[in-house]
C-alpha atoms as a PDB file:
ATOM      1  CA  MET A   1     135.465  84.193 124.416  1.00  0.00           C
ATOM      2  CA  MET A   2     135.403  86.772 121.675  1.00  0.00           C
ATOM      3  CA  ALA A   3     138.517  88.410 120.312  1.00  0.00           C
ATOM      4  CA  LYS A   4     139.420  91.669 122.022  1.00  0.00           C
ATOM      5  CA  ARG A   5     138.763  94.848 120.102  1.00  0.00           C
ATOM      6  CA  TYR A   6     140.813  97.942 120.771  1.00  0.00           C
ATOM      7  CA  TYR A   7     139.590 101.501 120.317  1.00  0.00           C
ATOM      8  CA  ARG A   8     141.269 104.775 121.176  1.00  0.00           C
ATOM      9  CA  LYS A   9     140.205 106.122 124.514  1.00  0.00           C
ATOM     10  CA  ARG A  10     139.534 109.687 123.384  1.00  0.00           C
ATOM     11  CA  VAL A  11     137.413 109.194 120.244  1.00  0.00           C
ATOM     12  CA  ASP A  12     134.379 111.366 119.540  1.00  0.00           C
ATOM     13  CA  LEU A  13     131.230 110.163 121.288  1.00  0.00           C
ATOM     14  CA  PHE A  14     129.149 109.907 118.119  1.00  0.00           C
ATOM     15  CA  ARG A  15     131.765 107.793 116.330  1.00  0.00           C
ATOM     16  CA  LEU A  16     131.871 105.446 119.304  1.00  0.00           C
ATOM     17  CA  ILE A  17     128.082 105.238 119.566  1.00  0.00           C
ATOM     18  CA  ASP A  18     127.738 104.711 115.832  1.00  0.00           C
ATOM     19  CA  LYS A  19     130.160 101.787 116.088  1.00  0.00           C
ATOM     20  CA  ILE A  20     128.867  99.980 119.186  1.00  0.00           C
ATOM     21  CA  LYS A  21     125.170 101.023 119.009  1.00  0.00           C
ATOM     22  CA  LEU A  22     124.744 101.189 122.800  1.00  0.00           C
ATOM     23  CA  TRP A  23     123.705 104.052 125.107  1.00  0.00           C
ATOM     24  CA  PRO A  24     123.854 104.171 128.928  1.00  0.00           C
ATOM     25  CA  SER A  25     120.966 106.142 130.425  1.00  0.00           C
ATOM     26  CA  ARG A  26     121.347 108.292 133.527  1.00  0.00           C
ATOM     27  CA  LYS A  27     119.721 105.574 135.619  1.00  0.00           C
ATOM     28  CA  GLY A  28     122.389 103.118 134.469  1.00  0.00           C
ATOM     29  CA  ILE A  29     120.264 101.167 131.982  1.00  0.00           C
ATOM     30  CA  LEU A  30     122.003 100.127 128.766  1.00  0.00           C
ATOM     31  CA  HIS A  31     119.889 100.732 125.646  1.00  0.00           C
ATOM     32  CA  GLY A  32     120.343  99.595 122.065  1.00  0.00           C
ATOM     33  CA  ILE A  33     120.450 102.378 119.470  1.00  0.00           C
ATOM     34  CA  ARG A  34     118.267 102.217 116.376  1.00  0.00           C
ATOM     35  CA  THR A  35     119.199 105.471 114.634  1.00  0.00           C
ATOM     36  CA  ILE A  36     121.559 108.409 115.034  1.00  0.00           C
ATOM     37  CA  GLN A  37     120.941 111.642 113.122  1.00  0.00           C
ATOM     38  CA  ARG A  38     123.751 114.181 113.379  1.00  0.00           C
ATOM     39  CA  ILE A  39     122.713 117.812 113.562  1.00  0.00           C
ATOM     40  CA  GLY A  40     125.925 119.827 113.815  1.00  0.00           C
ATOM     41  CA  ASP A  41     127.652 119.010 117.098  1.00  0.00           C
ATOM     42  CA  GLN A  42     124.480 117.385 118.434  1.00  0.00           C
ATOM     43  CA  ALA A  43     122.644 114.226 117.464  1.00  0.00           C
ATOM     44  CA  GLN A  44     119.126 112.934 117.752  1.00  0.00           C
ATOM     45  CA  ILE A  45     119.338 109.372 119.065  1.00  0.00           C
ATOM     46  CA  THR A  46     116.474 106.879 118.893  1.00  0.00           C
ATOM     47  CA  THR A  47     116.678 103.678 120.931  1.00  0.00           C
ATOM     48  CA  HIS A  48     115.005 100.357 120.193  1.00  0.00           C
ATOM     49  CA  CYS A  49     112.472 101.128 122.945  1.00  0.00           C
ATOM     50  CA  ASN A  50     111.389 104.233 120.927  1.00  0.00           C
ATOM     51  CA  LYS A  51     112.948 106.826 123.228  1.00  0.00           C
ATOM     52  CA  THR A  52     114.253 109.848 121.332  1.00  0.00           C
ATOM     53  CA  PHE A  53     116.611 112.429 122.805  1.00  0.00           C
ATOM     54  CA  MET A  54     119.299 114.921 121.856  1.00  0.00           C
ATOM     55  CA  ALA A  55     122.936 114.415 122.858  1.00  0.00           C
ATOM     56  CA  ASN A  56     126.013 116.625 122.600  1.00  0.00           C
ATOM     57  CA  ASP A  57     129.241 115.365 121.033  1.00  0.00           C
ATOM     58  CA  SER A  58     131.690 115.355 123.925  1.00  0.00           C
ATOM     59  CA  ARG A  59     134.600 113.112 124.798  1.00  0.00           C
ATOM     60  CA  ASN A  60     134.250 113.949 128.500  1.00  0.00           C
ATOM     61  CA  SER A  61     130.497 113.465 128.818  1.00  0.00           C
ATOM     62  CA  ARG A  62     128.873 111.112 131.271  1.00  0.00           C
ATOM     63  CA  ALA A  63     127.793 108.773 128.477  1.00  0.00           C
ATOM     64  CA  ALA A  64     131.281 108.657 126.939  1.00  0.00           C
ATOM     65  CA  ARG A  65     132.892 107.888 130.300  1.00  0.00           C
ATOM     66  CA  TRP A  66     130.291 105.247 131.135  1.00  0.00           C
ATOM     67  CA  LEU A  67     130.762 103.555 127.753  1.00  0.00           C
ATOM     68  CA  ARG A  68     134.566 103.536 128.050  1.00  0.00           C
ATOM     69  CA  ASN A  69     134.468 102.223 131.627  1.00  0.00           C
ATOM     70  CA  LYS A  70     131.573  99.834 130.884  1.00  0.00           C
ATOM     71  CA  TRP A  71     129.477 101.156 133.766  1.00  0.00           C
ATOM     72  CA  PHE A  72     125.836 100.121 133.700  1.00  0.00           C
ATOM     73  CA  LYS A  73     123.429  98.593 136.193  1.00  0.00           C
ATOM     74  CA  ASP A  74     121.046  96.709 133.947  1.00  0.00           C
ATOM     75  CA  VAL A  75     120.073  96.116 130.329  1.00  0.00           C
ATOM     76  CA  CYS A  76     116.816  97.517 128.928  1.00  0.00           C
ATOM     77  CA  PRO A  77     114.312  94.647 128.604  1.00  0.00           C
ATOM     78  CA  VAL A  78     112.435  96.430 125.804  1.00  0.00           C
ATOM     79  CA  CYS A  79     115.554  96.971 123.664  1.00  0.00           C
ATOM     80  CA  ARG A  80     116.458  93.258 123.966  1.00  0.00           C
ATOM     81  CA  ILE A  81     120.199  93.626 123.406  1.00  0.00           C
ATOM     82  CA  PRO A  82     121.499  90.210 122.285  1.00  0.00           C
ATOM     83  CA  ALA A  83     123.964  88.306 124.454  1.00  0.00           C
ATOM     84  CA  TRP A  84     126.621  88.289 121.706  1.00  0.00           C
ATOM     85  CA  LYS A  85     126.582  92.107 121.601  1.00  0.00           C
ATOM     86  CA  LEU A  86     127.032  92.360 125.375  1.00  0.00           C
ATOM     87  CA  GLU A  87     129.883  89.840 125.197  1.00  0.00           C
ATOM     88  CA  LYS A  88     131.511  91.790 122.359  1.00  0.00           C
ATOM     89  CA  TYR A  89     131.118  95.026 124.344  1.00  0.00           C
ATOM     90  CA  SER A  90     132.609  93.465 127.467  1.00  0.00           C
ATOM     91  CA  SER A  91     135.661  92.249 125.530  1.00  0.00           C
ATOM     92  CA  THR A  92     136.304  95.709 124.029  1.00  0.00           C
ATOM     93  CA  GLN A  93     139.379  97.512 125.341  1.00  0.00           C
ATOM     94  CA  PHE A  94     139.924 101.282 125.328  1.00  0.00           C
ATOM     95  CA  LYS A  95     143.587 102.295 125.226  1.00  0.00           C
ATOM     96  CA  ARG A  96     145.119 105.746 125.034  1.00  0.00           C
ATOM     97  CA  HIS A  97     147.830 105.090 122.446  1.00  0.00           C
ATOM     98  CA  TYR A  98     146.553 101.943 120.739  1.00  0.00           C
ATOM     99  CA  GLY A  99     143.541 100.935 118.695  1.00  0.00           C
ATOM    100  CA  SER A 100     141.240 102.274 116.035  1.00  0.00           C
ATOM    101  CA  ALA A 101     140.434 105.982 116.114  1.00  0.00           C
ATOM    102  CA  LEU A 102     137.147 105.120 114.316  1.00  0.00           C
ATOM    103  CA  LEU A 103     137.981 107.412 111.407  1.00  0.00           C
ATOM    104  CA  SER A 104     135.852 107.386 108.259  1.00  0.00           C
ATOM    105  CA  GLU A 105     137.376 106.289 104.948  1.00  0.00           C
ATOM    106  CA  ASP A 106     137.646 109.930 103.789  1.00  0.00           C
ATOM    107  CA  GLU A 107     139.574 110.872 106.919  1.00  0.00           C
ATOM    108  CA  LEU A 108     141.851 107.861 106.518  1.00  0.00           C
ATOM    109  CA  ASP A 109     142.652 108.906 102.935  1.00  0.00           C
ATOM    110  CA  LYS A 110     143.495 112.455 104.073  1.00  0.00           C
ATOM    111  CA  LYS A 111     145.668 111.117 106.895  1.00  0.00           C
ATOM    112  CA  ASN A 112     147.563 108.781 104.553  1.00  0.00           C
ATOM    113  CA  GLY A 113     148.070 111.553 101.995  1.00  0.00           C
ATOM    114  CA  ASP A 114     146.123 109.952  99.126  1.00  0.00           C
END
């Protein structure tokens, strides 16, 4: 069993995706993410199965809720997500008042007053 990881429940979608590199499609298939290119409050996401799409940065979106609640039906066979990544994802906990807010180093310095 892997150690539990704790993340804040209401983090930005792109920070969460950039950290875990997983995307749930509308059909419930979990894809591995190859690249994320931010374009303002949207991002162009490319999966390992070469699907490219645009996504909005929203904490309340379907994808954000599905990632936090770990809802998916199947794993994409083309993306070939390794078993260790699925185990790490399943041991991840999302808490409201506890865990990493997935802030960048610059944001951490500003928050700490350095």
